[in-house]
Amino acid sequence: MTYPEVIPISYEPAYHTDSIGQWCDGQFLGGVVAAFREDYSMTEDWLSHKRWYAILHRFSPDGSYLDSRIECT
């Protein structure tokens, strides 16, 4: 998959972009999402099957995409 050199993202308070920020090597967009395994079918104990993931997208100071990290928490 190819990525554009710069991904413009507007900050909107109290929305998904409220986790945009800067770090020592550039900019970032982070978040937390819940998901189920691809083959999961809804059951009464669905909550025990839910997995939480932390997502971090990193960008250079000029906004060029660097990398993404997704980890199960």
PDB file of N, CA and C in Angstrom:
ATOM      1  N   MET A   1       0.839  -1.165   0.000  1.00  0.00           N
ATOM      2  CA  MET A   1       0.000   0.000   0.000  1.00  0.00           C
ATOM      3  C   MET A   1       0.888   1.233   0.000  1.00  0.00           C
ATOM      4  N   THR A   2       0.582   2.201  -0.809  1.00  0.00           N
ATOM      5  CA  THR A   2       1.338   3.453  -0.818  1.00  0.00           C
ATOM      6  C   THR A   2       0.583   4.495   0.001  1.00  0.00           C
ATOM      7  N   TYR A   3       1.330   5.421   0.550  1.00  0.00           N
ATOM      8  CA  TYR A   3       0.764   6.481   1.372  1.00  0.00           C
ATOM      9  C   TYR A   3       1.121   7.828   0.769  1.00  0.00           C
ATOM     10  N   PRO A   4       0.241   8.818   0.926  1.00  0.00           N
ATOM     11  CA  PRO A   4       0.618  10.162   0.477  1.00  0.00           C
ATOM     12  C   PRO A   4       1.770  10.677   1.337  1.00  0.00           C
ATOM     13  N   GLU A   5       2.551  11.576   0.805  1.00  0.00           N
ATOM     14  CA  GLU A   5       3.689  12.109   1.560  1.00  0.00           C
ATOM     15  C   GLU A   5       3.240  12.886   2.791  1.00  0.00           C
ATOM     16  N   VAL A   6       2.131  13.598   2.686  1.00  0.00           N
ATOM     17  CA  VAL A   6       1.599  14.368   3.813  1.00  0.00           C
ATOM     18  C   VAL A   6       0.118  14.056   3.947  1.00  0.00           C
ATOM     19  N   ILE A   7      -0.311  13.771   5.170  1.00  0.00           N
ATOM     20  CA  ILE A   7      -1.716  13.497   5.450  1.00  0.00           C
ATOM     21  C   ILE A   7      -2.260  14.653   6.286  1.00  0.00           C
ATOM     22  N   PRO A   8      -3.056  15.549   5.694  1.00  0.00           N
ATOM     23  CA  PRO A   8      -3.582  16.675   6.480  1.00  0.00           C
ATOM     24  C   PRO A   8      -4.694  16.206   7.415  1.00  0.00           C
ATOM     25  N   ILE A   9      -4.579  16.540   8.693  1.00  0.00           N
ATOM     26  CA  ILE A   9      -5.584  16.183   9.688  1.00  0.00           C
ATOM     27  C   ILE A   9      -5.886  17.434  10.499  1.00  0.00           C
ATOM     28  N   SER A  10      -7.146  17.808  10.561  1.00  0.00           N
ATOM     29  CA  SER A  10      -7.558  18.985  11.325  1.00  0.00           C
ATOM     30  C   SER A  10      -7.901  18.592  12.751  1.00  0.00           C
ATOM     31  N   TYR A  11      -7.469  19.398  13.696  1.00  0.00           N
ATOM     32  CA  TYR A  11      -7.781  19.163  15.107  1.00  0.00           C
ATOM     33  C   TYR A  11      -9.208  19.602  15.393  1.00  0.00           C
ATOM     34  N   GLU A  12     -10.001  18.733  16.011  1.00  0.00           N
ATOM     35  CA  GLU A  12     -11.352  19.060  16.433  1.00  0.00           C
ATOM     36  C   GLU A  12     -11.516  18.602  17.878  1.00  0.00           C
ATOM     37  N   PRO A  13     -11.639  19.538  18.819  1.00  0.00           N
ATOM     38  CA  PRO A  13     -11.784  19.152  20.229  1.00  0.00           C
ATOM     39  C   PRO A  13     -12.997  18.235  20.429  1.00  0.00           C
ATOM     40  N   ALA A  14     -12.884  17.314  21.376  1.00  0.00           N
ATOM     41  CA  ALA A  14     -13.955  16.370  21.732  1.00  0.00           C
ATOM     42  C   ALA A  14     -14.357  15.483  20.556  1.00  0.00           C
ATOM     43  N   TYR A  15     -13.425  15.227  19.652  1.00  0.00           N
ATOM     44  CA  TYR A  15     -13.671  14.330  18.530  1.00  0.00           C
ATOM     45  C   TYR A  15     -12.464  13.392  18.426  1.00  0.00           C
ATOM     46  N   HIS A  16     -12.417  12.529  17.434  1.00  0.00           N
ATOM     47  CA  HIS A  16     -11.316  11.573  17.308  1.00  0.00           C
ATOM     48  C   HIS A  16      -9.953  12.252  17.180  1.00  0.00           C
ATOM     49  N   THR A  17      -9.928  13.477  16.727  1.00  0.00           N
ATOM     50  CA  THR A  17      -8.649  14.165  16.527  1.00  0.00           C
ATOM     51  C   THR A  17      -8.156  14.868  17.791  1.00  0.00           C
ATOM     52  N   ASP A  18      -8.837  14.673  18.914  1.00  0.00           N
ATOM     53  CA  ASP A  18      -8.362  15.317  20.135  1.00  0.00           C
ATOM     54  C   ASP A  18      -7.103  14.662  20.691  1.00  0.00           C
ATOM     55  N   SER A  19      -6.650  13.592  20.039  1.00  0.00           N
ATOM     56  CA  SER A  19      -5.407  12.938  20.463  1.00  0.00           C
ATOM     57  C   SER A  19      -4.259  13.227  19.497  1.00  0.00           C
ATOM     58  N   ILE A  20      -4.348  14.341  18.778  1.00  0.00           N
ATOM     59  CA  ILE A  20      -3.244  14.814  17.936  1.00  0.00           C
ATOM     60  C   ILE A  20      -2.283  15.587  18.834  1.00  0.00           C
ATOM     61  N   GLY A  21      -1.004  15.417  18.606  1.00  0.00           N
ATOM     62  CA  GLY A  21      -0.046  16.154  19.405  1.00  0.00           C
ATOM     63  C   GLY A  21       1.328  16.163  18.776  1.00  0.00           C
ATOM     64  N   GLN A  22       2.279  16.689  19.529  1.00  0.00           N
ATOM     65  CA  GLN A  22       3.658  16.756  19.068  1.00  0.00           C
ATOM     66  C   GLN A  22       4.544  16.020  20.063  1.00  0.00           C
ATOM     67  N   TRP A  23       5.619  15.450  19.556  1.00  0.00           N
ATOM     68  CA  TRP A  23       6.618  14.793  20.380  1.00  0.00           C
ATOM     69  C   TRP A  23       7.983  15.245  19.895  1.00  0.00           C
ATOM     70  N   CYS A  24       9.046  14.803  20.506  1.00  0.00           N
ATOM     71  CA  CYS A  24      10.379  15.333  20.201  1.00  0.00           C
ATOM     72  C   CYS A  24      10.784  15.142  18.744  1.00  0.00           C
ATOM     73  N   ASP A  25      10.269  14.147  18.042  1.00  0.00           N
ATOM     74  CA  ASP A  25      10.643  13.907  16.645  1.00  0.00           C
ATOM     75  C   ASP A  25       9.552  14.240  15.637  1.00  0.00           C
ATOM     76  N   GLY A  26       8.480  14.929  16.058  1.00  0.00           N
ATOM     77  CA  GLY A  26       7.453  15.296  15.090  1.00  0.00           C
ATOM     78  C   GLY A  26       6.068  15.370  15.684  1.00  0.00           C
ATOM     79  N   GLN A  27       5.111  14.761  14.987  1.00  0.00           N
ATOM     80  CA  GLN A  27       3.710  14.822  15.361  1.00  0.00           C
ATOM     81  C   GLN A  27       3.162  13.404  15.528  1.00  0.00           C
ATOM     82  N   PHE A  28       1.997  13.304  16.187  1.00  0.00           N
ATOM     83  CA  PHE A  28       1.390  11.986  16.344  1.00  0.00           C
ATOM     84  C   PHE A  28      -0.127  12.096  16.362  1.00  0.00           C
ATOM     85  N   LEU A  29      -0.770  10.972  16.091  1.00  0.00           N
ATOM     86  CA  LEU A  29      -2.205  10.797  16.244  1.00  0.00           C
ATOM     87  C   LEU A  29      -2.382   9.454  16.923  1.00  0.00           C
ATOM     88  N   GLY A  30      -3.015   9.446  18.083  1.00  0.00           N
ATOM     89  CA  GLY A  30      -3.168   8.209  18.832  1.00  0.00           C
ATOM     90  C   GLY A  30      -4.618   7.922  19.131  1.00  0.00           C
ATOM     91  N   GLY A  31      -4.864   6.734  19.619  1.00  0.00           N
ATOM     92  CA  GLY A  31      -6.214   6.382  19.995  1.00  0.00           C
ATOM     93  C   GLY A  31      -6.289   4.984  20.581  1.00  0.00           C
ATOM     94  N   VAL A  32      -7.478   4.651  21.063  1.00  0.00           N
ATOM     95  CA  VAL A  32      -7.761   3.334  21.616  1.00  0.00           C
ATOM     96  C   VAL A  32      -9.063   2.857  20.990  1.00  0.00           C
ATOM     97  N   VAL A  33      -9.086   1.616  20.520  1.00  0.00           N
ATOM     98  CA  VAL A  33     -10.290   1.044  19.914  1.00  0.00           C
ATOM     99  C   VAL A  33     -10.512  -0.368  20.450  1.00  0.00           C
ATOM    100  N   ALA A  34     -11.766  -0.794  20.404  1.00  0.00           N
ATOM    101  CA  ALA A  34     -12.113  -2.162  20.783  1.00  0.00           C
ATOM    102  C   ALA A  34     -12.465  -2.937  19.524  1.00  0.00           C
ATOM    103  N   ALA A  35     -12.126  -4.223  19.521  1.00  0.00           N
ATOM    104  CA  ALA A  35     -12.411  -5.064  18.354  1.00  0.00           C
ATOM    105  C   ALA A  35     -12.571  -6.517  18.802  1.00  0.00           C
ATOM    106  N   PHE A  36     -13.165  -7.296  17.919  1.00  0.00           N
ATOM    107  CA  PHE A  36     -13.310  -8.732  18.128  1.00  0.00           C
ATOM    108  C   PHE A  36     -12.510  -9.463  17.062  1.00  0.00           C
ATOM    109  N   ARG A  37     -12.156 -10.710  17.336  1.00  0.00           N
ATOM    110  CA  ARG A  37     -11.500 -11.522  16.319  1.00  0.00           C
ATOM    111  C   ARG A  37     -12.383 -11.577  15.079  1.00  0.00           C
ATOM    112  N   GLU A  38     -11.779 -11.729  13.943  1.00  0.00           N
ATOM    113  CA  GLU A  38     -12.505 -11.741  12.676  1.00  0.00           C
ATOM    114  C   GLU A  38     -13.547 -12.859  12.629  1.00  0.00           C
ATOM    115  N   ASP A  39     -13.260 -14.003  13.218  1.00  0.00           N
ATOM    116  CA  ASP A  39     -14.174 -15.140  13.150  1.00  0.00           C
ATOM    117  C   ASP A  39     -15.149 -15.208  14.333  1.00  0.00           C
ATOM    118  N   TYR A  40     -15.178 -14.181  15.184  1.00  0.00           N
ATOM    119  CA  TYR A  40     -16.037 -14.194  16.367  1.00  0.00           C
ATOM    120  C   TYR A  40     -17.507 -14.005  15.987  1.00  0.00           C
ATOM    121  N   SER A  41     -18.386 -14.795  16.605  1.00  0.00           N
ATOM    122  CA  SER A  41     -19.834 -14.643  16.481  1.00  0.00           C
ATOM    123  C   SER A  41     -20.373 -14.228  17.842  1.00  0.00           C
ATOM    124  N   MET A  42     -21.307 -13.304  17.870  1.00  0.00           N
ATOM    125  CA  MET A  42     -21.821 -12.752  19.123  1.00  0.00           C
ATOM    126  C   MET A  42     -22.373 -13.856  20.032  1.00  0.00           C
ATOM    127  N   THR A  43     -21.945 -13.821  21.292  1.00  0.00           N
ATOM    128  CA  THR A  43     -22.414 -14.753  22.306  1.00  0.00           C
ATOM    129  C   THR A  43     -22.769 -13.963  23.558  1.00  0.00           C
ATOM    130  N   GLU A  44     -23.355 -14.630  24.543  1.00  0.00           N
ATOM    131  CA  GLU A  44     -23.739 -13.940  25.777  1.00  0.00           C
ATOM    132  C   GLU A  44     -22.532 -13.394  26.531  1.00  0.00           C
ATOM    133  N   ASP A  45     -21.394 -14.042  26.403  1.00  0.00           N
ATOM    134  CA  ASP A  45     -20.179 -13.575  27.085  1.00  0.00           C
ATOM    135  C   ASP A  45     -19.311 -12.713  26.169  1.00  0.00           C
ATOM    136  N   TRP A  46     -19.959 -11.919  25.312  1.00  0.00           N
ATOM    137  CA  TRP A  46     -19.256 -11.106  24.316  1.00  0.00           C
ATOM    138  C   TRP A  46     -18.197 -10.198  24.942  1.00  0.00           C
ATOM    139  N   LEU A  47     -18.474  -9.709  26.131  1.00  0.00           N
ATOM    140  CA  LEU A  47     -17.537  -8.772  26.753  1.00  0.00           C
ATOM    141  C   LEU A  47     -16.162  -9.410  26.990  1.00  0.00           C
ATOM    142  N   SER A  48     -16.130 -10.699  27.310  1.00  0.00           N
ATOM    143  CA  SER A  48     -14.853 -11.365  27.556  1.00  0.00           C
ATOM    144  C   SER A  48     -14.068 -11.593  26.258  1.00  0.00           C
ATOM    145  N   HIS A  49     -14.723 -11.431  25.133  1.00  0.00           N
ATOM    146  CA  HIS A  49     -14.059 -11.613  23.842  1.00  0.00           C
ATOM    147  C   HIS A  49     -13.569 -10.298  23.237  1.00  0.00           C
ATOM    148  N   LYS A  50     -13.982  -9.189  23.817  1.00  0.00           N
ATOM    149  CA  LYS A  50     -13.584  -7.877  23.302  1.00  0.00           C
ATOM    150  C   LYS A  50     -12.112  -7.633  23.618  1.00  0.00           C
ATOM    151  N   ARG A  51     -11.359  -7.138  22.659  1.00  0.00           N
ATOM    152  CA  ARG A  51      -9.944  -6.812  22.834  1.00  0.00           C
ATOM    153  C   ARG A  51      -9.734  -5.320  22.607  1.00  0.00           C
ATOM    154  N   TRP A  52      -8.910  -4.712  23.441  1.00  0.00           N
ATOM    155  CA  TRP A  52      -8.622  -3.288  23.319  1.00  0.00           C
ATOM    156  C   TRP A  52      -7.254  -3.103  22.681  1.00  0.00           C
ATOM    157  N   TYR A  53      -7.168  -2.146  21.777  1.00  0.00           N
ATOM    158  CA  TYR A  53      -5.928  -1.879  21.055  1.00  0.00           C
ATOM    159  C   TYR A  53      -5.555  -0.406  21.184  1.00  0.00           C
ATOM    160  N   ALA A  54      -4.282  -0.166  21.445  1.00  0.00           N
ATOM    161  CA  ALA A  54      -3.732   1.194  21.430  1.00  0.00           C
ATOM    162  C   ALA A  54      -3.108   1.408  20.050  1.00  0.00           C
ATOM    163  N   ILE A  55      -3.410   2.562  19.457  1.00  0.00           N
ATOM    164  CA  ILE A  55      -2.940   2.874  18.106  1.00  0.00           C
ATOM    165  C   ILE A  55      -2.136   4.172  18.151  1.00  0.00           C
ATOM    166  N   LEU A  56      -0.975   4.160  17.527  1.00  0.00           N
ATOM    167  CA  LEU A  56      -0.142   5.355  17.453  1.00  0.00           C
ATOM    168  C   LEU A  56       0.366   5.517  16.024  1.00  0.00           C
ATOM    169  N   HIS A  57       0.013   6.639  15.399  1.00  0.00           N
ATOM    170  CA  HIS A  57       0.525   6.992  14.070  1.00  0.00           C
ATOM    171  C   HIS A  57       1.524   8.129  14.278  1.00  0.00           C
ATOM    172  N   ARG A  58       2.732   7.970  13.745  1.00  0.00           N
ATOM    173  CA  ARG A  58       3.767   8.993  13.921  1.00  0.00           C
ATOM    174  C   ARG A  58       4.069   9.679  12.598  1.00  0.00           C
ATOM    175  N   PHE A  59       4.323  10.985  12.681  1.00  0.00           N
ATOM    176  CA  PHE A  59       4.617  11.807  11.521  1.00  0.00           C
ATOM    177  C   PHE A  59       5.835  12.669  11.820  1.00  0.00           C
ATOM    178  N   SER A  60       6.560  13.046  10.786  1.00  0.00           N
ATOM    179  CA  SER A  60       7.708  13.943  10.949  1.00  0.00           C
ATOM    180  C   SER A  60       7.184  15.347  11.276  1.00  0.00           C
ATOM    181  N   PRO A  61       8.079  16.284  11.626  1.00  0.00           N
ATOM    182  CA  PRO A  61       7.636  17.650  11.921  1.00  0.00           C
ATOM    183  C   PRO A  61       6.867  18.303  10.762  1.00  0.00           C
ATOM    184  N   ASP A  62       7.192  17.948   9.509  1.00  0.00           N
ATOM    185  CA  ASP A  62       6.480  18.550   8.372  1.00  0.00           C
ATOM    186  C   ASP A  62       5.215  17.781   7.986  1.00  0.00           C
ATOM    187  N   GLY A  63       4.887  16.705   8.732  1.00  0.00           N
ATOM    188  CA  GLY A  63       3.658  15.961   8.485  1.00  0.00           C
ATOM    189  C   GLY A  63       3.813  14.718   7.646  1.00  0.00           C
ATOM    190  N   SER A  64       5.030  14.375   7.248  1.00  0.00           N
ATOM    191  CA  SER A  64       5.238  13.154   6.471  1.00  0.00           C
ATOM    192  C   SER A  64       5.038  11.933   7.367  1.00  0.00           C
ATOM    193  N   TYR A  65       4.356  10.937   6.847  1.00  0.00           N
ATOM    194  CA  TYR A  65       4.085   9.716   7.601  1.00  0.00           C
ATOM    195  C   TYR A  65       5.381   8.973   7.903  1.00  0.00           C
ATOM    196  N   LEU A  66       5.544   8.554   9.158  1.00  0.00           N
ATOM    197  CA  LEU A  66       6.711   7.771   9.558  1.00  0.00           C
ATOM    198  C   LEU A  66       6.345   6.303   9.744  1.00  0.00           C
ATOM    199  N   ASP A  67       5.403   6.037  10.654  1.00  0.00           N
ATOM    200  CA  ASP A  67       4.999   4.651  10.905  1.00  0.00           C
ATOM    201  C   ASP A  67       3.773   4.613  11.802  1.00  0.00           C
ATOM    202  N   SER A  68       3.278   3.415  12.009  1.00  0.00           N
ATOM    203  CA  SER A  68       2.141   3.185  12.897  1.00  0.00           C
ATOM    204  C   SER A  68       2.449   1.993  13.786  1.00  0.00           C
ATOM    205  N   ARG A  69       1.952   2.048  15.011  1.00  0.00           N
ATOM    206  CA  ARG A  69       2.076   0.933  15.937  1.00  0.00           C
ATOM    207  C   ARG A  69       0.686   0.619  16.464  1.00  0.00           C
ATOM    208  N   ILE A  70       0.328  -0.648  16.449  1.00  0.00           N
ATOM    209  CA  ILE A  70      -0.958  -1.090  17.002  1.00  0.00           C
ATOM    210  C   ILE A  70      -0.647  -2.233  17.940  1.00  0.00           C
ATOM    211  N   GLU A  71      -1.063  -2.089  19.209  1.00  0.00           N
ATOM    212  CA  GLU A  71      -0.762  -3.118  20.195  1.00  0.00           C
ATOM    213  C   GLU A  71      -1.992  -3.449  21.004  1.00  0.00           C
ATOM    214  N   CYS A  72      -2.195  -4.723  21.255  1.00  0.00           N
ATOM    215  CA  CYS A  72      -3.274  -5.176  22.113  1.00  0.00           C
ATOM    216  C   CYS A  72      -2.877  -4.822  23.555  1.00  0.00           C
ATOM    217  N   THR A  73      -3.765  -4.190  24.287  1.00  0.00           N
ATOM    218  CA  THR A  73      -3.447  -3.751  25.640  1.00  0.00           C
ATOM    219  C   THR A  73      -3.895  -4.755  26.675  1.00  0.00           C
TER     220      THR A  73
END
